[in-house]
């Protein structure tokens, strides 16, 4: 199904409309990480220990609020990426505390265990959520996720279902690969070669870090032959995390599988010109079946783009509007 054939979505706020010179999905995707400059938030780092004796690094940016937003980054991201720091800055300026967490191995130091992070690592998000709530400082907690972090957020909410902690008041996600198989397929398009090469180069550094810790089990011999996510996930993600294959991993870790179980107000914003998304990454029919979920599909925005001239990006404004309207 071509998402562009779908009916227009009615927005509760001004729909995203980029400047004319930014009406390109690829430009929206490439420009922000290269040229958007956001001053580093006043992060306070905290390291927590996971149940399997690994660690996760949390970066707090607090303003003394009783509301917290836990922000999850995308593939090969971290708490310093501009889309994260931009969101944290916008949250703080609106009087909301922010917690940007780094996935295993993404905070500048290799994690201890053999496993890495992946789209289905909801156990780590659960550790972060439980730790934040246990501080006793918050009356409401929102989950915000970008790209892979959006899938992780929605998958977590679906797994929790009606058992989700009562302080968790909503989930807000952008540029979500709701179906990992279709997103992986989108990135095999010739126009996406530049993205795929960058991801694979960055992931190789993660593999090399694992080789240093587990030389008898992990190697990057022949890594140059890997050209796409299927080959990478078949060789590394699946065996390291006990999946049968890349396809098994994609099927079990796609949030589409559990959208019906989400029991908190949730927002999915996927631009129609996102080069990373096709077909089932726009789950119109699944969303219709769950009144807790709202999906918005702006015609423009690229992948984690939604740029505006100066100041906050539209995605940041939309997240704040969602939080405010949930009061």
C-alpha atoms as a PDB file:
ATOM      1  CA  UNK A   1       0.000   0.000   0.000  1.00  0.00           C
ATOM      2  CA  UNK A   2       1.313   3.413  -0.939  1.00  0.00           C
ATOM      3  CA  UNK A   3       0.982   5.686   2.137  1.00  0.00           C
ATOM      4  CA  UNK A   4       0.578   8.727  -0.132  1.00  0.00           C
ATOM      5  CA  UNK A   5      -2.807   7.367  -1.211  1.00  0.00           C
ATOM      6  CA  UNK A   6      -4.170   7.563   2.327  1.00  0.00           C
ATOM      7  CA  UNK A   7      -6.634  10.291   3.354  1.00  0.00           C
ATOM      8  CA  UNK A   8      -5.331  13.403   5.068  1.00  0.00           C
ATOM      9  CA  UNK A   9      -5.030  13.314   8.851  1.00  0.00           C
ATOM     10  CA  UNK A  10      -6.781  16.007  10.887  1.00  0.00           C
ATOM     11  CA  UNK A  11      -4.321  17.543  13.355  1.00  0.00           C
ATOM     12  CA  UNK A  12      -5.066  18.982  16.787  1.00  0.00           C
ATOM     13  CA  UNK A  13      -2.399  21.635  16.094  1.00  0.00           C
ATOM     14  CA  UNK A  14      -0.879  23.293  13.045  1.00  0.00           C
ATOM     15  CA  UNK A  15       0.235  20.522  10.661  1.00  0.00           C
ATOM     16  CA  UNK A  16       3.860  20.381   9.704  1.00  0.00           C
ATOM     17  CA  UNK A  17       4.639  22.603   6.746  1.00  0.00           C
ATOM     18  CA  UNK A  18       8.331  23.040   5.961  1.00  0.00           C
ATOM     19  CA  UNK A  19       9.885  25.979   4.165  1.00  0.00           C
ATOM     20  CA  UNK A  20       9.794  25.442   0.401  1.00  0.00           C
ATOM     21  CA  UNK A  21      13.536  24.808   0.213  1.00  0.00           C
ATOM     22  CA  UNK A  22      13.225  21.982   2.760  1.00  0.00           C
ATOM     23  CA  UNK A  23      10.501  19.986   0.995  1.00  0.00           C
ATOM     24  CA  UNK A  24      12.701  16.971   0.376  1.00  0.00           C
ATOM     25  CA  UNK A  25      12.646  13.838   2.486  1.00  0.00           C
ATOM     26  CA  UNK A  26      16.354  13.261   1.941  1.00  0.00           C
ATOM     27  CA  UNK A  27      17.259  16.862   2.769  1.00  0.00           C
ATOM     28  CA  UNK A  28      15.120  16.704   5.918  1.00  0.00           C
ATOM     29  CA  UNK A  29      16.961  13.506   6.877  1.00  0.00           C
ATOM     30  CA  UNK A  30      20.508  14.666   6.139  1.00  0.00           C
ATOM     31  CA  UNK A  31      20.495  18.343   7.137  1.00  0.00           C
ATOM     32  CA  UNK A  32      19.760  18.213  10.914  1.00  0.00           C
ATOM     33  CA  UNK A  33      22.568  15.843  11.991  1.00  0.00           C
ATOM     34  CA  UNK A  34      25.075  17.772   9.895  1.00  0.00           C
ATOM     35  CA  UNK A  35      24.112  21.367  10.519  1.00  0.00           C
ATOM     36  CA  UNK A  36      21.756  21.744  13.475  1.00  0.00           C
ATOM     37  CA  UNK A  37      23.714  23.119  16.401  1.00  0.00           C
ATOM     38  CA  UNK A  38      22.192  22.691  19.872  1.00  0.00           C
ATOM     39  CA  UNK A  39      24.118  23.581  23.004  1.00  0.00           C
ATOM     40  CA  UNK A  40      24.712  20.556  25.203  1.00  0.00           C
ATOM     41  CA  UNK A  41      22.022  20.287  27.896  1.00  0.00           C
ATOM     42  CA  UNK A  42      23.260  20.466  31.498  1.00  0.00           C
ATOM     43  CA  UNK A  43      23.332  16.685  31.710  1.00  0.00           C
ATOM     44  CA  UNK A  44      23.982  14.902  34.953  1.00  0.00           C
ATOM     45  CA  UNK A  45      25.135  11.372  34.166  1.00  0.00           C
ATOM     46  CA  UNK A  46      24.065   8.399  36.219  1.00  0.00           C
ATOM     47  CA  UNK A  47      25.077   4.790  35.625  1.00  0.00           C
ATOM     48  CA  UNK A  48      22.648   2.073  36.600  1.00  0.00           C
ATOM     49  CA  UNK A  49      23.296  -1.660  36.761  1.00  0.00           C
ATOM     50  CA  UNK A  50      21.052  -3.998  34.795  1.00  0.00           C
ATOM     51  CA  UNK A  51      19.732  -7.315  36.136  1.00  0.00           C
ATOM     52  CA  UNK A  52      22.357  -9.166  34.048  1.00  0.00           C
ATOM     53  CA  UNK A  53      25.216  -7.140  35.588  1.00  0.00           C
ATOM     54  CA  UNK A  54      25.668  -4.802  32.656  1.00  0.00           C
ATOM     55  CA  UNK A  55      25.248  -1.033  32.785  1.00  0.00           C
ATOM     56  CA  UNK A  56      23.185   1.726  31.188  1.00  0.00           C
ATOM     57  CA  UNK A  57      24.227   5.377  31.237  1.00  0.00           C
ATOM     58  CA  UNK A  58      21.460   7.886  31.876  1.00  0.00           C
ATOM     59  CA  UNK A  59      21.754  11.601  31.150  1.00  0.00           C
ATOM     60  CA  UNK A  60      19.392  13.707  33.259  1.00  0.00           C
ATOM     61  CA  UNK A  61      18.470  17.310  32.507  1.00  0.00           C
ATOM     62  CA  UNK A  62      16.121  18.464  35.239  1.00  0.00           C
ATOM     63  CA  UNK A  63      14.305  21.667  36.149  1.00  0.00           C
ATOM     64  CA  UNK A  64      12.550  20.475  39.295  1.00  0.00           C
ATOM     65  CA  UNK A  65       9.401  19.276  37.551  1.00  0.00           C
ATOM     66  CA  UNK A  66       6.965  16.613  38.696  1.00  0.00           C
ATOM     67  CA  UNK A  67       6.663  15.525  35.054  1.00  0.00           C
ATOM     68  CA  UNK A  68       9.417  13.531  33.356  1.00  0.00           C
ATOM     69  CA  UNK A  69       9.999  12.594  29.713  1.00  0.00           C
ATOM     70  CA  UNK A  70      12.223   9.583  29.054  1.00  0.00           C
ATOM     71  CA  UNK A  71      13.783  10.021  25.608  1.00  0.00           C
ATOM     72  CA  UNK A  72      15.009   7.069  23.505  1.00  0.00           C
ATOM     73  CA  UNK A  73      17.376   7.611  20.567  1.00  0.00           C
ATOM     74  CA  UNK A  74      17.654   5.885  17.215  1.00  0.00           C
ATOM     75  CA  UNK A  75      20.048   3.333  15.742  1.00  0.00           C
ATOM     76  CA  UNK A  76      23.669   4.287  16.448  1.00  0.00           C
ATOM     77  CA  UNK A  77      22.501   7.405  18.261  1.00  0.00           C
ATOM     78  CA  UNK A  78      23.100   8.623  21.792  1.00  0.00           C
ATOM     79  CA  UNK A  79      22.064  11.399  24.151  1.00  0.00           C
ATOM     80  CA  UNK A  80      24.191  13.986  22.326  1.00  0.00           C
ATOM     81  CA  UNK A  81      22.503  13.739  18.911  1.00  0.00           C
ATOM     82  CA  UNK A  82      20.811  16.967  17.861  1.00  0.00           C
ATOM     83  CA  UNK A  83      17.322  15.454  17.719  1.00  0.00           C
ATOM     84  CA  UNK A  84      17.763  14.349  21.336  1.00  0.00           C
ATOM     85  CA  UNK A  85      19.340  17.546  22.641  1.00  0.00           C
ATOM     86  CA  UNK A  86      16.747  19.603  20.765  1.00  0.00           C
ATOM     87  CA  UNK A  87      13.935  17.663  22.423  1.00  0.00           C
ATOM     88  CA  UNK A  88      15.585  17.859  25.852  1.00  0.00           C
ATOM     89  CA  UNK A  89      16.038  21.622  25.491  1.00  0.00           C
ATOM     90  CA  UNK A  90      12.407  22.093  24.452  1.00  0.00           C
ATOM     91  CA  UNK A  91      11.191  19.965  27.356  1.00  0.00           C
ATOM     92  CA  UNK A  92      13.259  21.857  29.905  1.00  0.00           C
ATOM     93  CA  UNK A  93      12.143  25.226  28.546  1.00  0.00           C
ATOM     94  CA  UNK A  94       8.552  24.045  28.974  1.00  0.00           C
ATOM     95  CA  UNK A  95       9.253  23.152  32.616  1.00  0.00           C
ATOM     96  CA  UNK A  96       9.555  19.381  32.095  1.00  0.00           C
ATOM     97  CA  UNK A  97      12.398  17.170  33.323  1.00  0.00           C
ATOM     98  CA  UNK A  98      14.137  15.020  30.717  1.00  0.00           C
ATOM     99  CA  UNK A  99      16.025  11.749  30.922  1.00  0.00           C
ATOM    100  CA  UNK A 100      17.929  10.820  27.766  1.00  0.00           C
ATOM    101  CA  UNK A 101      19.275   7.310  28.101  1.00  0.00           C
ATOM    102  CA  UNK A 102      22.021   5.654  26.085  1.00  0.00           C
ATOM    103  CA  UNK A 103      21.601   2.096  24.851  1.00  0.00           C
ATOM    104  CA  UNK A 104      24.203  -0.485  25.774  1.00  0.00           C
ATOM    105  CA  UNK A 105      27.495   0.482  24.167  1.00  0.00           C
ATOM    106  CA  UNK A 106      26.229   3.866  22.951  1.00  0.00           C
ATOM    107  CA  UNK A 107      27.521   6.123  25.736  1.00  0.00           C
ATOM    108  CA  UNK A 108      31.171   6.043  24.698  1.00  0.00           C
ATOM    109  CA  UNK A 109      32.136   2.836  26.499  1.00  0.00           C
ATOM    110  CA  UNK A 110      31.512  -0.783  25.427  1.00  0.00           C
ATOM    111  CA  UNK A 111      28.981  -2.595  27.566  1.00  0.00           C
ATOM    112  CA  UNK A 112      30.140  -5.637  29.544  1.00  0.00           C
ATOM    113  CA  UNK A 113      27.940  -8.425  28.295  1.00  0.00           C
ATOM    114  CA  UNK A 114      28.117 -10.297  25.003  1.00  0.00           C
ATOM    115  CA  UNK A 115      24.782  -8.895  23.868  1.00  0.00           C
ATOM    116  CA  UNK A 116      24.364  -5.458  22.313  1.00  0.00           C
ATOM    117  CA  UNK A 117      21.319  -3.231  21.939  1.00  0.00           C
ATOM    118  CA  UNK A 118      18.573  -3.980  19.430  1.00  0.00           C
ATOM    119  CA  UNK A 119      14.985  -3.120  18.486  1.00  0.00           C
ATOM    120  CA  UNK A 120      13.511  -5.553  20.985  1.00  0.00           C
ATOM    121  CA  UNK A 121      15.594  -4.653  24.051  1.00  0.00           C
ATOM    122  CA  UNK A 122      12.551  -3.521  26.008  1.00  0.00           C
ATOM    123  CA  UNK A 123      14.077  -5.020  29.147  1.00  0.00           C
ATOM    124  CA  UNK A 124      16.555  -2.131  29.184  1.00  0.00           C
ATOM    125  CA  UNK A 125      13.849   0.488  28.706  1.00  0.00           C
ATOM    126  CA  UNK A 126      11.975  -1.188  31.547  1.00  0.00           C
ATOM    127  CA  UNK A 127      15.053  -0.873  33.770  1.00  0.00           C
ATOM    128  CA  UNK A 128      15.260   2.841  32.977  1.00  0.00           C
ATOM    129  CA  UNK A 129      11.554   3.413  33.572  1.00  0.00           C
ATOM    130  CA  UNK A 130      11.560   1.563  36.883  1.00  0.00           C
ATOM    131  CA  UNK A 131      14.656   3.422  38.060  1.00  0.00           C
ATOM    132  CA  UNK A 132      13.188   6.816  37.181  1.00  0.00           C
ATOM    133  CA  UNK A 133       9.876   6.086  38.885  1.00  0.00           C
ATOM    134  CA  UNK A 134      11.663   4.718  41.967  1.00  0.00           C
ATOM    135  CA  UNK A 135      13.207   8.151  42.578  1.00  0.00           C
ATOM    136  CA  UNK A 136       9.779   9.228  43.828  1.00  0.00           C
ATOM    137  CA  UNK A 137      10.135  12.628  42.168  1.00  0.00           C
ATOM    138  CA  UNK A 138       7.484  12.257  39.491  1.00  0.00           C
ATOM    139  CA  UNK A 139       3.714  12.251  39.204  1.00  0.00           C
ATOM    140  CA  UNK A 140       3.654  11.673  35.444  1.00  0.00           C
ATOM    141  CA  UNK A 141       6.112  10.049  33.048  1.00  0.00           C
ATOM    142  CA  UNK A 142       6.028  10.242  29.259  1.00  0.00           C
ATOM    143  CA  UNK A 143       8.024   8.083  26.851  1.00  0.00           C
ATOM    144  CA  UNK A 144       9.439   9.756  23.736  1.00  0.00           C
ATOM    145  CA  UNK A 145      11.174   7.741  21.029  1.00  0.00           C
ATOM    146  CA  UNK A 146      12.817   8.486  17.696  1.00  0.00           C
ATOM    147  CA  UNK A 147      13.168   5.925  14.905  1.00  0.00           C
ATOM    148  CA  UNK A 148      14.447   2.709  16.548  1.00  0.00           C
ATOM    149  CA  UNK A 149      13.659   4.339  19.889  1.00  0.00           C
ATOM    150  CA  UNK A 150      10.093   4.850  18.683  1.00  0.00           C
ATOM    151  CA  UNK A 151       9.733   1.171  17.841  1.00  0.00           C
ATOM    152  CA  UNK A 152      11.248   0.235  21.201  1.00  0.00           C
ATOM    153  CA  UNK A 153       8.863   2.591  23.017  1.00  0.00           C
ATOM    154  CA  UNK A 154       5.734   1.250  21.315  1.00  0.00           C
ATOM    155  CA  UNK A 155       6.849  -2.363  21.638  1.00  0.00           C
ATOM    156  CA  UNK A 156       7.410  -1.781  25.361  1.00  0.00           C
ATOM    157  CA  UNK A 157       3.990  -0.184  25.769  1.00  0.00           C
ATOM    158  CA  UNK A 158       2.420  -3.098  23.894  1.00  0.00           C
ATOM    159  CA  UNK A 159       4.203  -5.694  26.019  1.00  0.00           C
ATOM    160  CA  UNK A 160       3.129  -3.932  29.206  1.00  0.00           C
ATOM    161  CA  UNK A 161      -0.461  -3.541  28.035  1.00  0.00           C
ATOM    162  CA  UNK A 162      -2.866  -2.773  30.857  1.00  0.00           C
ATOM    163  CA  UNK A 163      -0.159  -3.702  33.394  1.00  0.00           C
ATOM    164  CA  UNK A 164       1.903  -0.636  32.522  1.00  0.00           C
ATOM    165  CA  UNK A 165       2.873   1.491  35.515  1.00  0.00           C
ATOM    166  CA  UNK A 166       0.100   4.005  36.289  1.00  0.00           C
ATOM    167  CA  UNK A 167       2.540   6.935  36.279  1.00  0.00           C
ATOM    168  CA  UNK A 168       3.300   6.382  32.597  1.00  0.00           C
ATOM    169  CA  UNK A 169       0.921   8.838  30.982  1.00  0.00           C
ATOM    170  CA  UNK A 170       1.694   8.496  27.285  1.00  0.00           C
ATOM    171  CA  UNK A 171       4.060   7.590  24.464  1.00  0.00           C
ATOM    172  CA  UNK A 172       5.206   9.952  21.709  1.00  0.00           C
ATOM    173  CA  UNK A 173       7.115   8.590  18.734  1.00  0.00           C
ATOM    174  CA  UNK A 174       8.588   9.913  15.505  1.00  0.00           C
ATOM    175  CA  UNK A 175       9.837   8.234  12.309  1.00  0.00           C
ATOM    176  CA  UNK A 176       9.032   4.755  13.588  1.00  0.00           C
ATOM    177  CA  UNK A 177      10.012   1.615  11.619  1.00  0.00           C
ATOM    178  CA  UNK A 178       6.826  -0.086  12.800  1.00  0.00           C
ATOM    179  CA  UNK A 179       7.608  -3.092  10.598  1.00  0.00           C
ATOM    180  CA  UNK A 180      11.329  -3.861  10.672  1.00  0.00           C
ATOM    181  CA  UNK A 181      11.195  -6.047   7.593  1.00  0.00           C
ATOM    182  CA  UNK A 182       9.709  -3.283   5.462  1.00  0.00           C
ATOM    183  CA  UNK A 183      12.031  -0.647   6.901  1.00  0.00           C
ATOM    184  CA  UNK A 184      15.022  -2.865   6.107  1.00  0.00           C
ATOM    185  CA  UNK A 185      13.642  -3.267   2.601  1.00  0.00           C
ATOM    186  CA  UNK A 186      13.316   0.520   2.216  1.00  0.00           C
ATOM    187  CA  UNK A 187      16.993   0.958   3.034  1.00  0.00           C
ATOM    188  CA  UNK A 188      18.038  -1.342   0.193  1.00  0.00           C
ATOM    189  CA  UNK A 189      16.810   1.238  -2.325  1.00  0.00           C
ATOM    190  CA  UNK A 190      19.686   2.789  -4.321  1.00  0.00           C
ATOM    191  CA  UNK A 191      18.738   6.243  -3.018  1.00  0.00           C
ATOM    192  CA  UNK A 192      19.459   4.998   0.521  1.00  0.00           C
ATOM    193  CA  UNK A 193      22.957   3.642  -0.111  1.00  0.00           C
ATOM    194  CA  UNK A 194      24.556   6.557   1.739  1.00  0.00           C
ATOM    195  CA  UNK A 195      22.515   5.836   4.873  1.00  0.00           C
ATOM    196  CA  UNK A 196      23.168   2.106   4.746  1.00  0.00           C
ATOM    197  CA  UNK A 197      26.918   2.552   4.371  1.00  0.00           C
ATOM    198  CA  UNK A 198      27.038   4.932   7.315  1.00  0.00           C
ATOM    199  CA  UNK A 199      25.045   2.613   9.558  1.00  0.00           C
ATOM    200  CA  UNK A 200      27.226  -0.358   8.671  1.00  0.00           C
ATOM    201  CA  UNK A 201      30.456   1.573   9.278  1.00  0.00           C
ATOM    202  CA  UNK A 202      29.232   2.701  12.695  1.00  0.00           C
ATOM    203  CA  UNK A 203      27.973  -0.765  13.590  1.00  0.00           C
ATOM    204  CA  UNK A 204      31.339  -2.237  12.661  1.00  0.00           C
ATOM    205  CA  UNK A 205      32.883  -0.174  15.437  1.00  0.00           C
ATOM    206  CA  UNK A 206      30.454  -1.808  17.867  1.00  0.00           C
ATOM    207  CA  UNK A 207      31.456  -5.219  16.519  1.00  0.00           C
ATOM    208  CA  UNK A 208      35.144  -4.384  16.944  1.00  0.00           C
ATOM    209  CA  UNK A 209      34.526  -3.338  20.548  1.00  0.00           C
ATOM    210  CA  UNK A 210      32.834  -6.695  21.157  1.00  0.00           C
ATOM    211  CA  UNK A 211      35.719  -8.527  19.504  1.00  0.00           C
ATOM    212  CA  UNK A 212      38.089  -7.037  22.066  1.00  0.00           C
ATOM    213  CA  UNK A 213      35.949  -8.435  24.888  1.00  0.00           C
ATOM    214  CA  UNK A 214      34.905 -11.737  23.281  1.00  0.00           C
ATOM    215  CA  UNK A 215      37.624 -12.595  20.739  1.00  0.00           C
ATOM    216  CA  UNK A 216      36.706 -16.276  20.640  1.00  0.00           C
ATOM    217  CA  UNK A 217      33.062 -15.586  19.808  1.00  0.00           C
ATOM    218  CA  UNK A 218      32.859 -12.434  17.686  1.00  0.00           C
ATOM    219  CA  UNK A 219      34.816 -11.407  14.604  1.00  0.00           C
ATOM    220  CA  UNK A 220      34.513  -8.882  11.816  1.00  0.00           C
ATOM    221  CA  UNK A 221      36.329 -11.053   9.279  1.00  0.00           C
ATOM    222  CA  UNK A 222      34.660 -10.502   5.934  1.00  0.00           C
ATOM    223  CA  UNK A 223      32.601  -7.618   7.283  1.00  0.00           C
ATOM    224  CA  UNK A 224      33.073  -5.726   4.002  1.00  0.00           C
ATOM    225  CA  UNK A 225      30.764  -8.271   2.356  1.00  0.00           C
ATOM    226  CA  UNK A 226      27.822  -7.066   4.459  1.00  0.00           C
ATOM    227  CA  UNK A 227      25.742  -4.650   2.403  1.00  0.00           C
ATOM    228  CA  UNK A 228      22.382  -4.469   4.190  1.00  0.00           C
ATOM    229  CA  UNK A 229      20.582  -5.031   7.489  1.00  0.00           C
ATOM    230  CA  UNK A 230      19.526  -8.559   6.600  1.00  0.00           C
ATOM    231  CA  UNK A 231      23.131  -9.639   6.269  1.00  0.00           C
ATOM    232  CA  UNK A 232      24.139  -7.770   9.433  1.00  0.00           C
ATOM    233  CA  UNK A 233      21.228  -9.071  11.498  1.00  0.00           C
ATOM    234  CA  UNK A 234      21.683 -12.639  10.251  1.00  0.00           C
ATOM    235  CA  UNK A 235      25.366 -12.571  11.221  1.00  0.00           C
ATOM    236  CA  UNK A 236      25.256 -10.565  14.465  1.00  0.00           C
ATOM    237  CA  UNK A 237      21.900  -9.438  15.887  1.00  0.00           C
ATOM    238  CA  UNK A 238      20.076 -12.745  15.566  1.00  0.00           C
ATOM    239  CA  UNK A 239      22.699 -15.132  17.007  1.00  0.00           C
ATOM    240  CA  UNK A 240      23.825 -12.739  19.745  1.00  0.00           C
ATOM    241  CA  UNK A 241      20.270 -12.301  21.006  1.00  0.00           C
ATOM    242  CA  UNK A 242      18.869 -15.796  20.458  1.00  0.00           C
ATOM    243  CA  UNK A 243      16.782 -15.164  17.353  1.00  0.00           C
ATOM    244  CA  UNK A 244      16.656 -17.790  14.625  1.00  0.00           C
ATOM    245  CA  UNK A 245      17.385 -15.342  11.817  1.00  0.00           C
ATOM    246  CA  UNK A 246      17.059 -11.726  10.746  1.00  0.00           C
ATOM    247  CA  UNK A 247      13.456 -12.413   9.736  1.00  0.00           C
ATOM    248  CA  UNK A 248      12.691 -13.949  13.125  1.00  0.00           C
ATOM    249  CA  UNK A 249      14.228 -10.922  14.849  1.00  0.00           C
ATOM    250  CA  UNK A 250      12.283  -8.469  12.693  1.00  0.00           C
ATOM    251  CA  UNK A 251       8.986 -10.268  13.226  1.00  0.00           C
ATOM    252  CA  UNK A 252       9.323 -10.571  16.997  1.00  0.00           C
ATOM    253  CA  UNK A 253      10.641  -7.051  17.561  1.00  0.00           C
ATOM    254  CA  UNK A 254       8.391  -4.978  15.302  1.00  0.00           C
ATOM    255  CA  UNK A 255       6.001  -2.832  17.311  1.00  0.00           C
ATOM    256  CA  UNK A 256       3.194  -3.503  14.789  1.00  0.00           C
ATOM    257  CA  UNK A 257       2.833  -6.903  16.430  1.00  0.00           C
ATOM    258  CA  UNK A 258       1.604  -5.389  19.698  1.00  0.00           C
ATOM    259  CA  UNK A 259      -0.045  -2.091  18.766  1.00  0.00           C
ATOM    260  CA  UNK A 260      -3.403  -3.636  19.678  1.00  0.00           C
ATOM    261  CA  UNK A 261      -2.229  -4.107  23.285  1.00  0.00           C
ATOM    262  CA  UNK A 262      -1.164  -0.507  23.969  1.00  0.00           C
ATOM    263  CA  UNK A 263      -3.258   0.910  26.809  1.00  0.00           C
ATOM    264  CA  UNK A 264      -1.834   4.434  27.191  1.00  0.00           C
ATOM    265  CA  UNK A 265      -2.405   7.454  24.928  1.00  0.00           C
ATOM    266  CA  UNK A 266       0.164   7.137  22.161  1.00  0.00           C
ATOM    267  CA  UNK A 267       1.233   9.152  19.141  1.00  0.00           C
ATOM    268  CA  UNK A 268       2.987   7.933  16.008  1.00  0.00           C
ATOM    269  CA  UNK A 269       4.285  10.576  13.585  1.00  0.00           C
ATOM    270  CA  UNK A 270       5.666   9.110  10.352  1.00  0.00           C
ATOM    271  CA  UNK A 271       6.321  11.456   7.433  1.00  0.00           C
ATOM    272  CA  UNK A 272       5.189  10.204   4.051  1.00  0.00           C
ATOM    273  CA  UNK A 273       8.516  11.187   2.483  1.00  0.00           C
ATOM    274  CA  UNK A 274      10.611   9.308   5.048  1.00  0.00           C
ATOM    275  CA  UNK A 275      13.195   7.366   3.005  1.00  0.00           C
ATOM    276  CA  UNK A 276      13.488   4.722   5.747  1.00  0.00           C
ATOM    277  CA  UNK A 277       9.805   3.747   5.755  1.00  0.00           C
ATOM    278  CA  UNK A 278       7.489   1.941   3.343  1.00  0.00           C
ATOM    279  CA  UNK A 279       4.271  -0.067   3.390  1.00  0.00           C
ATOM    280  CA  UNK A 280       3.520  -1.522   6.840  1.00  0.00           C
ATOM    281  CA  UNK A 281       5.586   1.181   8.536  1.00  0.00           C
ATOM    282  CA  UNK A 282       2.352   3.163   8.147  1.00  0.00           C
ATOM    283  CA  UNK A 283      -0.021   0.857  10.098  1.00  0.00           C
ATOM    284  CA  UNK A 284      -3.298   2.632   9.316  1.00  0.00           C
ATOM    285  CA  UNK A 285      -5.568  -0.355   9.876  1.00  0.00           C
ATOM    286  CA  UNK A 286      -3.874  -1.440  13.120  1.00  0.00           C
ATOM    287  CA  UNK A 287      -4.154   2.070  14.538  1.00  0.00           C
ATOM    288  CA  UNK A 288      -7.868   2.182  13.699  1.00  0.00           C
ATOM    289  CA  UNK A 289      -8.363  -0.834  15.957  1.00  0.00           C
ATOM    290  CA  UNK A 290      -6.907   0.876  19.044  1.00  0.00           C
ATOM    291  CA  UNK A 291      -8.440   4.170  20.124  1.00  0.00           C
ATOM    292  CA  UNK A 292      -5.478   4.851  22.411  1.00  0.00           C
ATOM    293  CA  UNK A 293      -3.207   5.425  19.404  1.00  0.00           C
ATOM    294  CA  UNK A 294      -3.158   8.411  17.092  1.00  0.00           C
ATOM    295  CA  UNK A 295      -1.106   8.270  13.921  1.00  0.00           C
ATOM    296  CA  UNK A 296      -0.182  11.390  11.977  1.00  0.00           C
ATOM    297  CA  UNK A 297       1.439  11.205   8.561  1.00  0.00           C
ATOM    298  CA  UNK A 298       2.660  14.643   7.442  1.00  0.00           C
ATOM    299  CA  UNK A 299       3.482  14.830   3.734  1.00  0.00           C
ATOM    300  CA  UNK A 300       6.963  16.129   4.589  1.00  0.00           C
ATOM    301  CA  UNK A 301       9.474  15.620   7.389  1.00  0.00           C
ATOM    302  CA  UNK A 302      11.910  12.963   6.198  1.00  0.00           C
ATOM    303  CA  UNK A 303      13.439  10.700   8.823  1.00  0.00           C
ATOM    304  CA  UNK A 304      13.688  12.478  12.186  1.00  0.00           C
ATOM    305  CA  UNK A 305      13.556  15.828  10.399  1.00  0.00           C
ATOM    306  CA  UNK A 306      10.541  18.154  10.795  1.00  0.00           C
ATOM    307  CA  UNK A 307      12.751  21.226  10.538  1.00  0.00           C
ATOM    308  CA  UNK A 308      11.572  24.777  11.033  1.00  0.00           C
ATOM    309  CA  UNK A 309      13.465  28.031  10.621  1.00  0.00           C
ATOM    310  CA  UNK A 310      15.366  28.545  13.880  1.00  0.00           C
ATOM    311  CA  UNK A 311      14.182  27.646  17.371  1.00  0.00           C
ATOM    312  CA  UNK A 312      12.451  24.384  18.132  1.00  0.00           C
ATOM    313  CA  UNK A 313      11.588  21.843  15.462  1.00  0.00           C
ATOM    314  CA  UNK A 314       7.982  20.900  14.737  1.00  0.00           C
ATOM    315  CA  UNK A 315       8.487  17.461  16.327  1.00  0.00           C
ATOM    316  CA  UNK A 316       9.469  19.137  19.588  1.00  0.00           C
ATOM    317  CA  UNK A 317       6.433  21.407  19.463  1.00  0.00           C
ATOM    318  CA  UNK A 318       4.201  18.410  18.701  1.00  0.00           C
ATOM    319  CA  UNK A 319       5.588  16.431  21.645  1.00  0.00           C
ATOM    320  CA  UNK A 320       5.001  19.326  24.022  1.00  0.00           C
ATOM    321  CA  UNK A 321       1.471  19.795  22.710  1.00  0.00           C
ATOM    322  CA  UNK A 322       0.755  16.111  23.310  1.00  0.00           C
ATOM    323  CA  UNK A 323       2.056  16.305  26.885  1.00  0.00           C
ATOM    324  CA  UNK A 324       0.113  19.482  27.674  1.00  0.00           C
ATOM    325  CA  UNK A 325      -3.099  18.094  26.196  1.00  0.00           C
ATOM    326  CA  UNK A 326      -2.748  15.000  28.372  1.00  0.00           C
ATOM    327  CA  UNK A 327      -3.140  16.982  31.600  1.00  0.00           C
END
